[in-house]
Amino acid sequence: MQLEGKVAAITGGTAGIGLGIARAYLAEGATVALMARNQAKAEAVLAELDAGERCIFVGGDAMVQADVEGFVDTAGEKLGAVDILVNNAGGAGDLQPLVELSDATFDECMKWNVYSTFWATRRALPNMLANGWGRIINISSVEGKIGKPVFTAYSTAKHAINGMTKALAQEVGAAAVTVNAICPGLVITDIVKDNGPATAEAMGISFDEMVEMFAQEAAIKRPNTVEEVAAMAVLLASEAGGGITGAMLNVDGGTAPY
């Protein structure tokens, strides 16, 4: 029960990596607030988690500032001040060569990934500083360390999140608030299954070929699992992770070169 008595807020928390982290945090004793857009899906997730008052859902769009800030506020009002913030909302969106990228598409990628992280962190941080303890965990990507054709907007966003992680860690470290990023490689979530074929098409290959390509780039020759990413999120949120800050920790099976 490494997180007993702690309140965690997770954006994009009803599917994929976010849901995996929620499960792991609940198992470690935390109280958890989840934010996502789909109310019906959230109700099914809450029923599956069966955590009673230890898990709540707050509807909202990660690309809308008022929704993100309202989520942090609501989590604090209903569960107590947020101790652990997991900025998981984000994604690649429409993948196109840079010369074909519209301002709107690029801006959407920044809002979904970078701005959502910025808004939630700015809202949650004052209470962490006042309490003298906090954990901010940003879900970045291996694309925040390397790049691939047509991933320009997404890679830019994840590199920006890594930069925010490093700078903020220096600002707040003396207050016992740690700031880290997890950089997953390919994880076969439902979202990847739904959106992967379009991603592969933009890369000029089939979905199966894309999965195999990512697998072969990794030392372990397979995609990572949600549970492997969640295990890192537990470590970073725990007392044992108190000496880790300003780090971009790979859970990518040995894909990134650093």
C-alpha atoms as a PDB file:
ATOM      1  CA  MET A   1       0.000   0.000   0.000  1.00  0.00           C
ATOM      2  CA  GLN A   2       2.660   2.483  -1.094  1.00  0.00           C
ATOM      3  CA  LEU A   3       0.158   5.252  -1.879  1.00  0.00           C
ATOM      4  CA  GLU A   4      -2.258   4.925   1.019  1.00  0.00           C
ATOM      5  CA  GLY A   5      -3.714   8.296   2.000  1.00  0.00           C
ATOM      6  CA  LYS A   6      -2.657   9.983  -1.244  1.00  0.00           C
ATOM      7  CA  VAL A   7      -5.005  11.623  -3.769  1.00  0.00           C
ATOM      8  CA  ALA A   8      -4.148  11.134  -7.436  1.00  0.00           C
ATOM      9  CA  ALA A   9      -5.652  12.934 -10.426  1.00  0.00           C
ATOM     10  CA  ILE A  10      -5.228  11.361 -13.861  1.00  0.00           C
ATOM     11  CA  THR A  11      -6.187  13.035 -17.128  1.00  0.00           C
ATOM     12  CA  GLY A  12      -7.214  10.654 -19.890  1.00  0.00           C
ATOM     13  CA  GLY A  13      -7.830   8.163 -17.117  1.00  0.00           C
ATOM     14  CA  THR A  14     -10.548   5.873 -18.473  1.00  0.00           C
ATOM     15  CA  ALA A  15      -8.588   3.973 -21.124  1.00  0.00           C
ATOM     16  CA  GLY A  16      -5.163   2.675 -22.055  1.00  0.00           C
ATOM     17  CA  ILE A  17      -2.185   3.812 -20.020  1.00  0.00           C
ATOM     18  CA  GLY A  18      -4.261   6.186 -17.877  1.00  0.00           C
ATOM     19  CA  LEU A  19      -6.620   3.416 -16.817  1.00  0.00           C
ATOM     20  CA  GLY A  20      -3.697   1.094 -16.153  1.00  0.00           C
ATOM     21  CA  ILE A  21      -2.154   3.673 -13.846  1.00  0.00           C
ATOM     22  CA  ALA A  22      -5.505   4.170 -12.104  1.00  0.00           C
ATOM     23  CA  ARG A  23      -5.750   0.422 -11.419  1.00  0.00           C
ATOM     24  CA  ALA A  24      -2.212   0.334 -10.052  1.00  0.00           C
ATOM     25  CA  TYR A  25      -2.751   3.376  -7.841  1.00  0.00           C
ATOM     26  CA  LEU A  26      -5.981   2.006  -6.407  1.00  0.00           C
ATOM     27  CA  ALA A  27      -4.212  -1.284  -5.663  1.00  0.00           C
ATOM     28  CA  GLU A  28      -1.577   0.692  -3.753  1.00  0.00           C
ATOM     29  CA  GLY A  29      -4.186   2.450  -1.603  1.00  0.00           C
ATOM     30  CA  ALA A  30      -4.577   5.816  -3.355  1.00  0.00           C
ATOM     31  CA  THR A  31      -7.829   7.677  -3.922  1.00  0.00           C
ATOM     32  CA  VAL A  32      -8.160   8.490  -7.610  1.00  0.00           C
ATOM     33  CA  ALA A  33      -9.941  11.062  -9.783  1.00  0.00           C
ATOM     34  CA  LEU A  34     -10.210  10.346 -13.507  1.00  0.00           C
ATOM     35  CA  MET A  35     -10.863  12.830 -16.296  1.00  0.00           C
ATOM     36  CA  ALA A  36     -12.029  11.957 -19.810  1.00  0.00           C
ATOM     37  CA  ARG A  37     -14.682  12.952 -22.332  1.00  0.00           C
ATOM     38  CA  ASN A  38     -16.836   9.842 -22.613  1.00  0.00           C
ATOM     39  CA  GLN A  39     -19.376   9.689 -19.756  1.00  0.00           C
ATOM     40  CA  ALA A  40     -20.828   6.290 -20.708  1.00  0.00           C
ATOM     41  CA  LYS A  41     -17.381   4.717 -20.914  1.00  0.00           C
ATOM     42  CA  ALA A  42     -16.424   6.283 -17.607  1.00  0.00           C
ATOM     43  CA  GLU A  43     -19.444   4.785 -15.881  1.00  0.00           C
ATOM     44  CA  ALA A  44     -18.469   1.336 -17.160  1.00  0.00           C
ATOM     45  CA  VAL A  45     -14.889   1.871 -15.977  1.00  0.00           C
ATOM     46  CA  LEU A  46     -16.008   2.950 -12.499  1.00  0.00           C
ATOM     47  CA  ALA A  47     -18.199  -0.157 -12.259  1.00  0.00           C
ATOM     48  CA  GLU A  48     -15.268  -2.345 -13.326  1.00  0.00           C
ATOM     49  CA  LEU A  49     -12.840  -0.737 -10.870  1.00  0.00           C
ATOM     50  CA  ASP A  50     -15.405  -1.171  -8.084  1.00  0.00           C
ATOM     51  CA  ALA A  51     -13.524   1.157  -5.753  1.00  0.00           C
ATOM     52  CA  GLY A  52     -16.535   2.956  -4.315  1.00  0.00           C
ATOM     53  CA  GLU A  53     -15.810   6.456  -3.050  1.00  0.00           C
ATOM     54  CA  ARG A  54     -12.077   5.942  -3.638  1.00  0.00           C
ATOM     55  CA  CYS A  55     -12.507   6.587  -7.364  1.00  0.00           C
ATOM     56  CA  ILE A  56     -14.467   9.373  -9.065  1.00  0.00           C
ATOM     57  CA  PHE A  57     -14.930  10.585 -12.629  1.00  0.00           C
ATOM     58  CA  VAL A  58     -14.998  14.186 -13.798  1.00  0.00           C
ATOM     59  CA  GLY A  59     -16.027  14.777 -17.397  1.00  0.00           C
ATOM     60  CA  GLY A  60     -13.974  17.164 -19.493  1.00  0.00           C
ATOM     61  CA  ASP A  61     -11.947  17.786 -22.637  1.00  0.00           C
ATOM     62  CA  ALA A  62      -8.184  18.003 -22.177  1.00  0.00           C
ATOM     63  CA  MET A  63      -8.024  20.593 -24.972  1.00  0.00           C
ATOM     64  CA  VAL A  64     -10.257  23.004 -23.027  1.00  0.00           C
ATOM     65  CA  GLN A  65      -8.525  25.022 -20.315  1.00  0.00           C
ATOM     66  CA  ALA A  66     -11.614  25.448 -18.144  1.00  0.00           C
ATOM     67  CA  ASP A  67     -12.269  21.700 -18.200  1.00  0.00           C
ATOM     68  CA  VAL A  68      -8.719  20.825 -17.176  1.00  0.00           C
ATOM     69  CA  GLU A  69      -8.573  23.363 -14.385  1.00  0.00           C
ATOM     70  CA  GLY A  70     -12.086  22.399 -13.267  1.00  0.00           C
ATOM     71  CA  PHE A  71     -11.010  18.761 -13.068  1.00  0.00           C
ATOM     72  CA  VAL A  72      -8.167  19.558 -10.674  1.00  0.00           C
ATOM     73  CA  ASP A  73     -10.446  21.782  -8.594  1.00  0.00           C
ATOM     74  CA  THR A  74     -13.217  19.164  -8.439  1.00  0.00           C
ATOM     75  CA  ALA A  75     -10.771  16.428  -7.464  1.00  0.00           C
ATOM     76  CA  GLY A  76      -9.553  18.637  -4.631  1.00  0.00           C
ATOM     77  CA  GLU A  77     -13.062  19.510  -3.461  1.00  0.00           C
ATOM     78  CA  LYS A  78     -14.329  15.918  -3.455  1.00  0.00           C
ATOM     79  CA  LEU A  79     -11.245  13.948  -2.441  1.00  0.00           C
ATOM     80  CA  GLY A  80      -8.864  16.429  -0.840  1.00  0.00           C
ATOM     81  CA  ALA A  81      -5.888  18.294  -2.259  1.00  0.00           C
ATOM     82  CA  VAL A  82      -4.222  16.495  -5.154  1.00  0.00           C
ATOM     83  CA  ASP A  83      -0.937  14.907  -4.094  1.00  0.00           C
ATOM     84  CA  ILE A  84      -0.172  13.099  -7.361  1.00  0.00           C
ATOM     85  CA  LEU A  85      -0.938  14.516 -10.804  1.00  0.00           C
ATOM     86  CA  VAL A  86      -0.604  12.266 -13.838  1.00  0.00           C
ATOM     87  CA  ASN A  87      -0.775  14.225 -17.084  1.00  0.00           C
ATOM     88  CA  ASN A  88      -1.720  11.347 -19.345  1.00  0.00           C
ATOM     89  CA  ALA A  89      -4.105  13.008 -21.831  1.00  0.00           C
ATOM     90  CA  GLY A  90      -2.637  13.403 -25.302  1.00  0.00           C
ATOM     91  CA  GLY A  91      -1.998  11.692 -28.569  1.00  0.00           C
ATOM     92  CA  ALA A  92      -0.617  12.004 -32.050  1.00  0.00           C
ATOM     93  CA  GLY A  93      -3.774  13.151 -33.816  1.00  0.00           C
ATOM     94  CA  ASP A  94      -3.595  13.529 -37.596  1.00  0.00           C
ATOM     95  CA  LEU A  95      -0.189  12.513 -38.904  1.00  0.00           C
ATOM     96  CA  GLN A  96       1.000  14.430 -41.946  1.00  0.00           C
ATOM     97  CA  PRO A  97       4.272  15.590 -43.517  1.00  0.00           C
ATOM     98  CA  LEU A  98       5.230  18.988 -42.156  1.00  0.00           C
ATOM     99  CA  VAL A  99       4.582  20.774 -45.475  1.00  0.00           C
ATOM    100  CA  GLU A 100       0.976  19.546 -45.297  1.00  0.00           C
ATOM    101  CA  LEU A 101       0.393  20.371 -41.624  1.00  0.00           C
ATOM    102  CA  SER A 102      -2.189  23.077 -41.101  1.00  0.00           C
ATOM    103  CA  ASP A 103      -1.953  25.561 -38.255  1.00  0.00           C
ATOM    104  CA  ALA A 104      -5.148  24.064 -36.825  1.00  0.00           C
ATOM    105  CA  THR A 105      -3.774  20.512 -36.783  1.00  0.00           C
ATOM    106  CA  PHE A 106      -0.494  21.592 -35.212  1.00  0.00           C
ATOM    107  CA  ASP A 107      -2.303  23.730 -32.635  1.00  0.00           C
ATOM    108  CA  GLU A 108      -4.617  20.851 -31.728  1.00  0.00           C
ATOM    109  CA  CYS A 109      -1.619  18.594 -31.052  1.00  0.00           C
ATOM    110  CA  MET A 110      -0.065  21.253 -28.817  1.00  0.00           C
ATOM    111  CA  LYS A 111      -3.291  21.772 -26.861  1.00  0.00           C
ATOM    112  CA  TRP A 112      -3.930  18.058 -26.418  1.00  0.00           C
ATOM    113  CA  ASN A 113      -0.429  17.298 -25.185  1.00  0.00           C
ATOM    114  CA  VAL A 114       1.455  20.402 -24.018  1.00  0.00           C
ATOM    115  CA  TYR A 115      -1.242  22.829 -22.945  1.00  0.00           C
ATOM    116  CA  SER A 116      -3.253  20.190 -21.093  1.00  0.00           C
ATOM    117  CA  THR A 117      -0.123  19.309 -19.119  1.00  0.00           C
ATOM    118  CA  PHE A 118       0.623  22.976 -18.440  1.00  0.00           C
ATOM    119  CA  TRP A 119      -2.932  23.832 -17.351  1.00  0.00           C
ATOM    120  CA  ALA A 120      -3.309  20.864 -14.987  1.00  0.00           C
ATOM    121  CA  THR A 121       0.138  21.315 -13.469  1.00  0.00           C
ATOM    122  CA  ARG A 122      -0.301  25.026 -12.865  1.00  0.00           C
ATOM    123  CA  ARG A 123      -3.603  24.331 -11.111  1.00  0.00           C
ATOM    124  CA  ALA A 124      -2.380  21.472  -8.907  1.00  0.00           C
ATOM    125  CA  LEU A 125       1.050  22.819  -7.985  1.00  0.00           C
ATOM    126  CA  PRO A 126       0.166  25.521  -5.394  1.00  0.00           C
ATOM    127  CA  ASN A 127      -1.343  22.960  -2.998  1.00  0.00           C
ATOM    128  CA  MET A 128       1.636  20.653  -3.430  1.00  0.00           C
ATOM    129  CA  LEU A 129       4.014  23.497  -2.605  1.00  0.00           C
ATOM    130  CA  ALA A 130       1.921  24.517   0.389  1.00  0.00           C
ATOM    131  CA  ASN A 131       1.819  20.932   1.672  1.00  0.00           C
ATOM    132  CA  GLY A 132       5.533  20.359   1.097  1.00  0.00           C
ATOM    133  CA  TRP A 133       4.960  17.171  -0.930  1.00  0.00           C
ATOM    134  CA  GLY A 134       3.862  16.343  -4.433  1.00  0.00           C
ATOM    135  CA  ARG A 135       4.362  14.182  -7.476  1.00  0.00           C
ATOM    136  CA  ILE A 136       3.872  15.353 -11.070  1.00  0.00           C
ATOM    137  CA  ILE A 137       4.151  12.604 -13.649  1.00  0.00           C
ATOM    138  CA  ASN A 138       3.944  13.518 -17.325  1.00  0.00           C
ATOM    139  CA  ILE A 139       3.257  10.774 -19.842  1.00  0.00           C
ATOM    140  CA  SER A 140       5.564  11.683 -22.683  1.00  0.00           C
ATOM    141  CA  SER A 141       6.721   9.242 -25.374  1.00  0.00           C
ATOM    142  CA  VAL A 142       9.743   7.706 -26.973  1.00  0.00           C
ATOM    143  CA  GLU A 143       8.923  10.270 -29.700  1.00  0.00           C
ATOM    144  CA  GLY A 144      10.010  12.888 -27.170  1.00  0.00           C
ATOM    145  CA  LYS A 145      13.552  11.589 -27.609  1.00  0.00           C
ATOM    146  CA  ILE A 146      13.634  10.395 -31.220  1.00  0.00           C
ATOM    147  CA  GLY A 147      11.659  11.235 -34.349  1.00  0.00           C
ATOM    148  CA  LYS A 148       9.916   9.544 -37.246  1.00  0.00           C
ATOM    149  CA  PRO A 149       8.560  10.824 -40.545  1.00  0.00           C
ATOM    150  CA  VAL A 150       5.042  12.330 -40.277  1.00  0.00           C
ATOM    151  CA  PHE A 151       5.314  12.429 -36.460  1.00  0.00           C
ATOM    152  CA  THR A 152       6.659  15.998 -36.482  1.00  0.00           C
ATOM    153  CA  ALA A 153       3.836  17.675 -34.545  1.00  0.00           C
ATOM    154  CA  TYR A 154       3.598  14.858 -31.986  1.00  0.00           C
ATOM    155  CA  SER A 155       7.361  14.649 -31.532  1.00  0.00           C
ATOM    156  CA  THR A 156       7.521  18.419 -31.076  1.00  0.00           C
ATOM    157  CA  ALA A 157       4.829  18.236 -28.393  1.00  0.00           C
ATOM    158  CA  LYS A 158       6.511  15.429 -26.477  1.00  0.00           C
ATOM    159  CA  HIS A 159       9.918  17.115 -26.635  1.00  0.00           C
ATOM    160  CA  ALA A 160       8.213  20.197 -25.169  1.00  0.00           C
ATOM    161  CA  ILE A 161       6.755  18.140 -22.322  1.00  0.00           C
ATOM    162  CA  ASN A 162      10.210  16.781 -21.572  1.00  0.00           C
ATOM    163  CA  GLY A 163      11.575  20.328 -21.471  1.00  0.00           C
ATOM    164  CA  MET A 164       8.795  21.423 -19.126  1.00  0.00           C
ATOM    165  CA  THR A 165       9.579  18.435 -16.903  1.00  0.00           C
ATOM    166  CA  LYS A 166      13.262  19.300 -16.595  1.00  0.00           C
ATOM    167  CA  ALA A 167      12.743  23.007 -15.926  1.00  0.00           C
ATOM    168  CA  LEU A 168       9.903  22.626 -13.423  1.00  0.00           C
ATOM    169  CA  ALA A 169      11.803  19.979 -11.477  1.00  0.00           C
ATOM    170  CA  GLN A 170      14.483  22.595 -10.785  1.00  0.00           C
ATOM    171  CA  GLU A 171      11.851  25.129  -9.673  1.00  0.00           C
ATOM    172  CA  VAL A 172      10.080  22.958  -7.114  1.00  0.00           C
ATOM    173  CA  GLY A 173      12.545  20.314  -5.975  1.00  0.00           C
ATOM    174  CA  ALA A 174      13.377  22.025  -2.689  1.00  0.00           C
ATOM    175  CA  ALA A 175       9.685  21.775  -1.718  1.00  0.00           C
ATOM    176  CA  ALA A 176       9.758  17.955  -2.007  1.00  0.00           C
ATOM    177  CA  VAL A 177       7.732  18.084  -5.210  1.00  0.00           C
ATOM    178  CA  THR A 178       9.139  15.808  -7.902  1.00  0.00           C
ATOM    179  CA  VAL A 179       8.474  16.215 -11.622  1.00  0.00           C
ATOM    180  CA  ASN A 180       9.189  13.383 -14.021  1.00  0.00           C
ATOM    181  CA  ALA A 181       8.184  12.122 -17.435  1.00  0.00           C
ATOM    182  CA  ILE A 182       7.608   8.553 -18.545  1.00  0.00           C
ATOM    183  CA  CYS A 183       8.490   7.875 -22.173  1.00  0.00           C
ATOM    184  CA  PRO A 184       6.673   4.738 -23.354  1.00  0.00           C
ATOM    185  CA  GLY A 185       7.371   3.002 -26.605  1.00  0.00           C
ATOM    186  CA  LEU A 186       4.561   1.339 -28.513  1.00  0.00           C
ATOM    187  CA  VAL A 187       1.850   0.003 -26.186  1.00  0.00           C
ATOM    188  CA  ILE A 188      -1.050  -1.828 -27.847  1.00  0.00           C
ATOM    189  CA  THR A 189      -4.007  -0.163 -26.178  1.00  0.00           C
ATOM    190  CA  ASP A 190      -7.557   0.026 -27.500  1.00  0.00           C
ATOM    191  CA  ILE A 191      -6.783   3.548 -28.708  1.00  0.00           C
ATOM    192  CA  VAL A 192      -3.808   2.265 -30.695  1.00  0.00           C
ATOM    193  CA  LYS A 193      -5.978  -0.480 -32.184  1.00  0.00           C
ATOM    194  CA  ASP A 194      -8.586   2.098 -33.181  1.00  0.00           C
ATOM    195  CA  ASN A 195      -6.249   4.780 -34.515  1.00  0.00           C
ATOM    196  CA  GLY A 196      -3.273   2.649 -35.512  1.00  0.00           C
ATOM    197  CA  PRO A 197      -4.443   1.767 -39.024  1.00  0.00           C
ATOM    198  CA  ALA A 198      -4.660   5.476 -39.940  1.00  0.00           C
ATOM    199  CA  THR A 199      -1.238   6.067 -38.402  1.00  0.00           C
ATOM    200  CA  ALA A 200       0.223   3.187 -40.386  1.00  0.00           C
ATOM    201  CA  GLU A 201      -1.401   4.447 -43.558  1.00  0.00           C
ATOM    202  CA  ALA A 202       0.215   7.862 -43.052  1.00  0.00           C
ATOM    203  CA  MET A 203       3.543   6.025 -42.752  1.00  0.00           C
ATOM    204  CA  GLY A 204       2.861   4.108 -45.964  1.00  0.00           C
ATOM    205  CA  ILE A 205       2.654   0.674 -44.321  1.00  0.00           C
ATOM    206  CA  SER A 206       0.041  -1.661 -42.855  1.00  0.00           C
ATOM    207  CA  PHE A 207      -0.870  -1.711 -39.170  1.00  0.00           C
ATOM    208  CA  ASP A 208       0.785  -5.111 -38.679  1.00  0.00           C
ATOM    209  CA  GLU A 209       3.913  -3.855 -40.426  1.00  0.00           C
ATOM    210  CA  MET A 210       3.964  -0.794 -38.176  1.00  0.00           C
ATOM    211  CA  VAL A 211       3.694  -2.908 -35.017  1.00  0.00           C
ATOM    212  CA  GLU A 212       6.492  -5.161 -36.235  1.00  0.00           C
ATOM    213  CA  MET A 213       8.667  -2.158 -37.130  1.00  0.00           C
ATOM    214  CA  PHE A 214       8.291  -0.657 -33.649  1.00  0.00           C
ATOM    215  CA  ALA A 215       8.911  -4.066 -32.075  1.00  0.00           C
ATOM    216  CA  GLN A 216      12.116  -4.604 -34.034  1.00  0.00           C
ATOM    217  CA  GLU A 217      13.399  -1.171 -33.009  1.00  0.00           C
ATOM    218  CA  ALA A 218      13.171  -2.254 -29.358  1.00  0.00           C
ATOM    219  CA  ALA A 219      15.788  -4.398 -27.652  1.00  0.00           C
ATOM    220  CA  ILE A 220      13.047  -6.652 -26.265  1.00  0.00           C
ATOM    221  CA  LYS A 221      11.550  -7.121 -29.774  1.00  0.00           C
ATOM    222  CA  ARG A 222       7.984  -6.594 -28.619  1.00  0.00           C
ATOM    223  CA  PRO A 223       5.671  -3.747 -27.597  1.00  0.00           C
ATOM    224  CA  ASN A 224       5.546  -2.744 -23.958  1.00  0.00           C
ATOM    225  CA  THR A 225       2.484  -3.361 -21.813  1.00  0.00           C
ATOM    226  CA  VAL A 226       0.234  -0.984 -19.910  1.00  0.00           C
ATOM    227  CA  GLU A 227       1.250  -2.739 -16.689  1.00  0.00           C
ATOM    228  CA  GLU A 228       4.931  -2.000 -17.318  1.00  0.00           C
ATOM    229  CA  VAL A 229       4.217   1.707 -17.708  1.00  0.00           C
ATOM    230  CA  ALA A 230       1.945   1.705 -14.647  1.00  0.00           C
ATOM    231  CA  ALA A 231       4.680   0.109 -12.530  1.00  0.00           C
ATOM    232  CA  MET A 232       6.965   3.039 -13.307  1.00  0.00           C
ATOM    233  CA  ALA A 233       4.157   5.459 -12.429  1.00  0.00           C
ATOM    234  CA  VAL A 234       3.774   3.758  -9.038  1.00  0.00           C
ATOM    235  CA  LEU A 235       7.493   4.063  -8.309  1.00  0.00           C
ATOM    236  CA  LEU A 236       7.566   7.751  -9.215  1.00  0.00           C
ATOM    237  CA  ALA A 237       4.489   8.472  -7.074  1.00  0.00           C
ATOM    238  CA  SER A 238       5.804   6.635  -4.017  1.00  0.00           C
ATOM    239  CA  GLU A 239       8.148   7.654  -1.231  1.00  0.00           C
ATOM    240  CA  ALA A 240      10.720   5.373  -2.841  1.00  0.00           C
ATOM    241  CA  GLY A 241      10.708   7.656  -5.874  1.00  0.00           C
ATOM    242  CA  GLY A 242      11.443  10.788  -3.861  1.00  0.00           C
ATOM    243  CA  GLY A 243      15.013  11.006  -5.107  1.00  0.00           C
ATOM    244  CA  ILE A 244      14.017  10.898  -8.772  1.00  0.00           C
ATOM    245  CA  THR A 245      13.139  14.221 -10.394  1.00  0.00           C
ATOM    246  CA  GLY A 246      13.694  15.978 -13.700  1.00  0.00           C
ATOM    247  CA  ALA A 247      14.004  12.581 -15.362  1.00  0.00           C
ATOM    248  CA  MET A 248      12.600  11.282 -18.644  1.00  0.00           C
ATOM    249  CA  LEU A 249      12.366   7.585 -17.853  1.00  0.00           C
ATOM    250  CA  ASN A 250      12.012   5.198 -20.763  1.00  0.00           C
ATOM    251  CA  VAL A 251       9.573   2.312 -20.673  1.00  0.00           C
ATOM    252  CA  ASP A 252      10.238   1.545 -24.302  1.00  0.00           C
ATOM    253  CA  GLY A 253      11.925  -1.820 -24.329  1.00  0.00           C
ATOM    254  CA  GLY A 254      15.276  -0.265 -25.230  1.00  0.00           C
ATOM    255  CA  THR A 255      14.183   1.816 -28.224  1.00  0.00           C
ATOM    256  CA  ALA A 256      15.521   5.289 -27.419  1.00  0.00           C
ATOM    257  CA  PRO A 257      19.299   5.670 -27.459  1.00  0.00           C
ATOM    258  CA  TYR A 258      19.348   7.750 -24.238  1.00  0.00           C
END
